[in-house]
């Protein structure tokens, strides 16, 4: 067997010929220029496509990141409370009084100034805000019933005021009590029909503190509230003579029956006893002057 010796040039040419799936062409560099051209590309079509897709993904992620950042910024501005406006809840007689609204707005801003985190509406503690207003010359505020967005950096707070059930004038200063027994001096509703009548003669001069106390006024307010809830219409609250531990409620009936109550016994229980006694006597056709419910489980009438 004879093997012909191929020339070196022919062998070298066959070694360097193109072989499919074995020979790599092009360059991994995006651009490769020479001195004779301003731009040169030696990437294969497949490498070029891969590079374009990588660039597109990078640009897409950047755009998505910018959109997310913009959305978060808008959400922050939407939730942030920089400017506060205040409105009243329900039927308020002086809803157009801008002076009072400005006073409440200042109180809210003072509260937020000491609690920067609560300027975000999601973190605003409305119960704590109401307590702050009550403690800073706004005892008539009952609660913050709602917080509404009013634009970027703005919020509207809806304040619910206390509605009085009893009014009492002491030395020219009028005080109000709501059905929960809270005392306040500024009334935003119509004047209550129930007034306190002092027959003891003690609510003058230095004797005022003898009968005027938070517990006493709370008892009156809660008592009128319970009576109204149970269907008893109260026209007056009387402080009787010779005692500072009792109070009388005058029913709004033809007989003007008075209920004798003691502040040393829970007012709710006494009102329940009074309702049962009054219902019984009404069925019997009796119109007493007094119904005494100061003793638990018993009722006396005259």
Protein backbone atom coordinates (compact mmCIF):
# COMPACT_ATOMS: atom_id res chain seq x y z
CA UNK A 1 0.00 0.00 0.00
CA UNK A 2 1.42 3.27 -1.10
CA UNK A 3 0.79 6.50 0.69
CA UNK A 4 1.41 9.55 -1.36
CA UNK A 5 3.02 12.32 0.48
CA UNK A 6 0.83 15.40 0.19
CA UNK A 7 2.49 18.74 -0.19
CA UNK A 8 2.68 20.78 2.99
CA UNK A 9 0.63 23.60 1.45
CA UNK A 10 -2.29 21.28 0.57
CA UNK A 11 -2.35 19.76 4.05
CA UNK A 12 -2.32 23.16 5.73
CA UNK A 13 -5.16 24.37 3.51
CA UNK A 14 -7.33 21.35 4.42
CA UNK A 15 -6.69 21.82 8.14
CA UNK A 16 -7.95 25.37 8.10
CA UNK A 17 -11.04 24.91 6.00
CA UNK A 18 -14.42 25.70 7.55
CA UNK A 19 -16.14 22.85 9.40
CA UNK A 20 -19.83 23.18 10.36
CA UNK A 21 -20.58 23.08 14.11
CA UNK A 22 -16.87 23.00 14.86
CA UNK A 23 -15.51 26.29 13.59
CA UNK A 24 -16.26 29.50 15.59
CA UNK A 25 -16.44 32.71 13.68
CA UNK A 26 -16.74 36.32 14.74
CA UNK A 27 -15.83 37.90 18.04
CA UNK A 28 -17.38 38.26 21.49
CA UNK A 29 -16.68 41.97 21.38
CA UNK A 30 -19.58 44.16 20.38
CA UNK A 31 -17.58 46.44 18.20
CA UNK A 32 -14.21 45.99 16.61
CA UNK A 33 -13.04 48.79 14.37
CA UNK A 34 -10.02 49.21 12.25
CA UNK A 35 -8.17 52.29 11.19
CA UNK A 36 -9.98 52.31 7.86
CA UNK A 37 -13.56 52.29 9.25
CA UNK A 38 -15.55 54.14 11.89
CA UNK A 39 -17.56 51.14 12.98
CA UNK A 40 -16.92 47.50 12.62
CA UNK A 41 -18.95 44.55 13.80
CA UNK A 42 -17.53 41.07 13.95
CA UNK A 43 -20.23 39.49 16.15
CA UNK A 44 -22.19 36.66 14.75
CA UNK A 45 -25.98 37.21 14.31
CA UNK A 46 -26.64 34.94 17.28
CA UNK A 47 -24.29 36.90 19.56
CA UNK A 48 -25.76 40.17 18.35
CA UNK A 49 -29.31 38.98 19.15
CA UNK A 50 -28.20 37.82 22.59
CA UNK A 51 -26.58 41.20 23.29
CA UNK A 52 -29.71 43.10 22.19
CA UNK A 53 -31.94 40.99 24.41
CA UNK A 54 -29.63 41.61 27.37
CA UNK A 55 -29.75 45.35 26.71
CA UNK A 56 -33.54 45.26 26.41
CA UNK A 57 -33.86 43.41 29.72
CA UNK A 58 -31.61 45.95 31.41
CA UNK A 59 -33.60 48.87 30.06
CA UNK A 60 -36.86 47.15 30.97
CA UNK A 61 -35.76 46.61 34.56
CA UNK A 62 -34.70 50.24 34.83
CA UNK A 63 -38.05 51.46 33.50
CA UNK A 64 -39.95 49.16 35.87
CA UNK A 65 -37.80 50.39 38.76
CA UNK A 66 -38.52 54.02 37.88
CA UNK A 67 -42.25 53.29 37.64
CA UNK A 68 -42.23 51.54 41.02
CA UNK A 69 -40.30 54.43 42.58
CA UNK A 70 -42.73 56.95 41.08
CA UNK A 71 -45.71 54.94 42.35
CA UNK A 72 -44.22 54.72 45.85
CA UNK A 73 -43.53 58.46 45.84
CA UNK A 74 -47.11 59.22 44.79
CA UNK A 75 -48.46 56.85 47.45
CA UNK A 76 -46.29 58.51 50.09
CA UNK A 77 -47.48 61.98 49.09
CA UNK A 78 -51.07 60.69 49.01
CA UNK A 79 -50.76 59.30 52.54
CA UNK A 80 -48.66 62.15 53.95
CA UNK A 81 -50.46 64.82 55.99
CA UNK A 82 -48.84 68.21 55.49
CA UNK A 83 -51.99 70.34 55.37
CA UNK A 84 -55.00 69.63 57.61
CA UNK A 85 -58.60 70.72 57.20
CA UNK A 86 -61.32 70.06 59.76
CA UNK A 87 -65.06 69.55 59.37
CA UNK A 88 -67.86 68.67 61.77
CA UNK A 89 -69.78 65.44 61.97
CA UNK A 90 -73.60 65.69 61.99
CA UNK A 91 -75.84 68.69 62.39
CA UNK A 92 -73.80 71.43 64.03
CA UNK A 93 -75.46 74.78 64.76
CA UNK A 94 -72.28 76.81 64.19
CA UNK A 95 -70.70 74.83 61.35
CA UNK A 96 -69.69 78.05 59.59
CA UNK A 97 -67.64 79.32 62.53
CA UNK A 98 -64.17 79.44 60.99
CA UNK A 99 -62.56 80.56 64.25
CA UNK A 100 -63.37 77.29 66.00
CA UNK A 101 -62.31 75.25 62.97
CA UNK A 102 -58.98 77.07 62.89
CA UNK A 103 -58.50 76.30 66.59
CA UNK A 104 -59.05 72.59 66.00
CA UNK A 105 -56.73 72.64 62.97
CA UNK A 106 -53.98 74.19 65.09
CA UNK A 107 -54.52 71.55 67.76
CA UNK A 108 -54.14 68.79 65.16
CA UNK A 109 -50.98 70.35 63.73
CA UNK A 110 -49.50 70.68 67.23
CA UNK A 111 -50.23 66.99 67.81
CA UNK A 112 -48.61 65.94 64.52
CA UNK A 113 -45.59 68.18 65.12
CA UNK A 114 -44.63 66.03 68.08
CA UNK A 115 -45.39 62.75 66.27
CA UNK A 116 -43.88 62.91 62.75
CA UNK A 117 -44.62 59.27 61.97
CA UNK A 118 -48.34 59.86 62.44
CA UNK A 119 -48.32 62.29 59.55
CA UNK A 120 -48.76 59.15 57.48
CA UNK A 121 -52.51 58.55 57.47
CA UNK A 122 -52.06 54.80 57.89
CA UNK A 123 -50.21 55.40 61.18
CA UNK A 124 -52.45 58.16 62.55
CA UNK A 125 -53.84 57.19 65.98
CA UNK A 126 -57.23 58.95 65.97
CA UNK A 127 -58.02 57.91 69.56
CA UNK A 128 -54.79 59.44 70.82
CA UNK A 129 -55.43 62.56 68.75
CA UNK A 130 -58.92 62.98 70.26
CA UNK A 131 -57.49 62.61 73.77
CA UNK A 132 -54.85 65.23 72.97
CA UNK A 133 -57.49 67.72 71.81
CA UNK A 134 -59.62 67.04 74.88
CA UNK A 135 -56.66 67.69 77.16
CA UNK A 136 -55.77 70.94 75.35
CA UNK A 137 -58.80 73.16 75.81
CA UNK A 138 -61.14 71.16 73.55
CA UNK A 139 -63.06 68.97 75.99
CA UNK A 140 -66.12 69.22 73.72
CA UNK A 141 -64.43 66.92 71.16
CA UNK A 142 -65.82 63.42 71.45
CA UNK A 143 -63.86 61.58 68.76
CA UNK A 144 -62.28 61.75 65.31
CA UNK A 145 -64.91 59.92 63.28
CA UNK A 146 -63.07 59.85 59.93
CA UNK A 147 -59.90 60.89 58.11
CA UNK A 148 -60.38 61.54 54.38
CA UNK A 149 -57.70 62.22 51.75
CA UNK A 150 -58.02 65.71 50.28
CA UNK A 151 -55.24 65.61 47.68
CA UNK A 152 -51.48 65.16 47.72
CA UNK A 153 -50.20 66.01 51.18
CA UNK A 154 -53.68 66.99 52.39
CA UNK A 155 -56.19 65.35 54.72
CA UNK A 156 -59.62 66.23 56.08
CA UNK A 157 -60.48 65.23 59.64
CA UNK A 158 -64.13 64.84 60.59
CA UNK A 159 -64.59 65.67 64.28
CA UNK A 160 -67.59 64.47 66.24
CA UNK A 161 -68.52 66.81 69.07
CA UNK A 162 -70.17 65.98 72.38
CA UNK A 163 -73.91 66.53 72.43
CA UNK A 164 -75.14 67.83 75.80
CA UNK A 165 -78.12 66.40 77.64
CA UNK A 166 -77.90 68.72 80.65
CA UNK A 167 -76.82 72.35 81.09
CA UNK A 168 -75.89 73.96 84.40
CA UNK A 169 -74.94 77.59 85.02
CA UNK A 170 -72.69 78.15 88.03
CA UNK A 171 -71.58 81.69 88.91
CA UNK A 172 -72.26 82.78 85.35
CA UNK A 173 -70.28 79.90 83.81
CA UNK A 174 -72.32 77.38 81.88
CA UNK A 175 -71.24 73.74 81.89
CA UNK A 176 -72.61 70.89 79.84
CA UNK A 177 -72.75 67.16 80.42
CA UNK A 178 -73.29 64.54 77.69
CA UNK A 179 -75.01 61.20 78.06
CA UNK A 180 -71.71 59.51 78.90
CA UNK A 181 -71.14 61.84 81.83
CA UNK A 182 -68.34 63.94 80.31
CA UNK A 183 -68.20 67.64 81.22
CA UNK A 184 -67.42 70.39 78.71
CA UNK A 185 -68.01 74.10 78.29
CA UNK A 186 -68.34 74.66 74.51
CA UNK A 187 -71.61 73.50 72.95
CA UNK A 188 -71.93 73.10 69.18
CA UNK A 189 -75.50 71.82 69.26
CA UNK A 190 -78.81 73.34 70.28
CA UNK A 191 -79.20 74.03 73.98
CA UNK A 192 -80.37 70.99 75.98
CA UNK A 193 -83.91 71.06 77.32
CA UNK A 194 -82.89 69.59 80.68
CA UNK A 195 -81.56 72.12 83.18
CA UNK A 196 -80.26 71.79 86.72
CA UNK A 197 -82.22 73.54 89.45
CA UNK A 198 -80.45 74.12 92.74
CA UNK A 199 -82.80 73.99 95.72
CA UNK A 200 -79.97 73.40 98.19
CA UNK A 201 -78.65 76.94 98.11
CA UNK A 202 -75.08 75.66 98.10
CA UNK A 203 -74.03 76.44 94.53
CA UNK A 204 -72.99 79.99 95.31
CA UNK A 205 -69.70 81.51 96.42
CA UNK A 206 -67.27 79.24 98.23
CA UNK A 207 -69.83 76.42 98.57
CA UNK A 208 -69.77 75.51 94.88
CA UNK A 209 -67.10 72.82 95.30
CA UNK A 210 -69.28 71.15 97.93
CA UNK A 211 -71.67 69.83 95.30
CA UNK A 212 -69.97 70.48 91.97
CA UNK A 213 -67.64 67.58 91.26
CA UNK A 214 -66.84 65.45 88.27
CA UNK A 215 -68.56 62.49 89.88
CA UNK A 216 -71.73 64.46 90.58
CA UNK A 217 -71.98 65.90 87.07
CA UNK A 218 -71.15 62.52 85.54
CA UNK A 219 -73.95 60.95 87.55
CA UNK A 220 -76.43 63.52 86.24
CA UNK A 221 -75.36 63.14 82.63
CA UNK A 222 -75.41 59.37 82.67
CA UNK A 223 -78.73 59.36 84.52
CA UNK A 224 -80.44 61.59 81.95
CA UNK A 225 -78.92 59.50 79.16
CA UNK A 226 -80.19 56.22 80.68
CA UNK A 227 -83.63 57.72 81.30
CA UNK A 228 -83.90 58.91 77.69
CA UNK A 229 -82.84 55.49 76.45
CA UNK A 230 -85.51 53.82 78.62
CA UNK A 231 -88.24 56.18 77.40
CA UNK A 232 -88.41 58.45 80.44
CA UNK A 233 -88.60 62.12 79.50
CA UNK A 234 -86.75 64.29 82.03
CA UNK A 235 -87.57 68.00 82.22
CA UNK A 236 -85.40 69.10 85.15
CA UNK A 237 -82.66 67.89 87.47
CA UNK A 238 -83.12 69.12 91.04
CA UNK A 239 -80.52 69.30 93.77
CA UNK A 240 -82.62 68.98 96.94
CA UNK A 241 -82.07 70.90 100.16
CA UNK A 242 -80.10 69.56 103.12
CA UNK A 243 -78.09 66.98 101.15
CA UNK A 244 -75.26 66.76 98.66
CA UNK A 245 -75.49 62.99 98.08
CA UNK A 246 -78.87 62.93 96.38
CA UNK A 247 -80.41 64.23 93.17
CA UNK A 248 -83.96 64.27 91.81
CA UNK A 249 -85.15 63.90 88.21
CA UNK A 250 -88.45 65.55 87.37
CA UNK A 251 -90.44 63.58 84.79
CA UNK A 252 -91.97 65.49 81.93
CA UNK A 253 -95.52 64.46 82.84
CA UNK A 254 -98.61 66.26 84.10
CA UNK A 255 -97.91 65.14 87.67
CA UNK A 256 -94.24 66.22 87.46
CA UNK A 257 -93.27 63.10 89.38
CA UNK A 258 -89.80 63.31 90.87
CA UNK A 259 -87.40 60.38 90.96
CA UNK A 260 -85.22 60.32 94.08
CA UNK A 261 -81.73 59.00 93.29
CA UNK A 262 -78.53 58.55 95.31
CA UNK A 263 -75.12 59.19 93.80
CA UNK A 264 -73.73 56.37 95.96
CA UNK A 265 -75.60 53.74 93.96
CA UNK A 266 -75.09 52.94 90.22
CA UNK A 267 -77.33 55.27 88.26
CA UNK A 268 -78.23 52.64 85.65
CA UNK A 269 -79.72 50.32 88.26
CA UNK A 270 -81.76 53.15 89.79
CA UNK A 271 -83.18 54.18 86.42
CA UNK A 272 -84.18 50.58 85.71
CA UNK A 273 -85.99 50.41 89.07
CA UNK A 274 -87.65 53.76 88.36
CA UNK A 275 -88.88 52.57 84.95
CA UNK A 276 -90.43 49.45 86.44
CA UNK A 277 -92.05 51.41 89.28
CA UNK A 278 -93.37 54.13 86.97
CA UNK A 279 -94.79 51.55 84.55
CA UNK A 280 -96.55 49.72 87.37
CA UNK A 281 -98.02 52.89 88.87
CA UNK A 282 -99.16 54.16 85.48
CA UNK A 283 -101.08 50.93 84.87
CA UNK A 284 -102.71 51.34 88.27
CA UNK A 285 -103.68 54.92 87.44
CA UNK A 286 -101.52 56.35 90.21
CA UNK A 287 -99.68 59.65 89.68
CA UNK A 288 -97.25 59.95 92.63
CA UNK A 289 -95.31 63.05 93.61
CA UNK A 290 -92.14 61.07 94.35
CA UNK A 291 -90.70 57.67 93.43
CA UNK A 292 -87.77 56.76 95.66
CA UNK A 293 -85.36 54.19 94.16
CA UNK A 294 -82.33 54.86 96.32
CA UNK A 295 -82.49 51.36 97.88
CA UNK A 296 -81.64 48.43 95.61
CA UNK A 297 -84.62 46.24 94.69
CA UNK A 298 -87.17 48.53 96.33
CA UNK A 299 -89.23 51.52 95.23
CA UNK A 300 -91.27 53.83 97.44
CA UNK A 301 -93.76 56.39 96.24
CA UNK A 302 -95.79 59.21 97.75
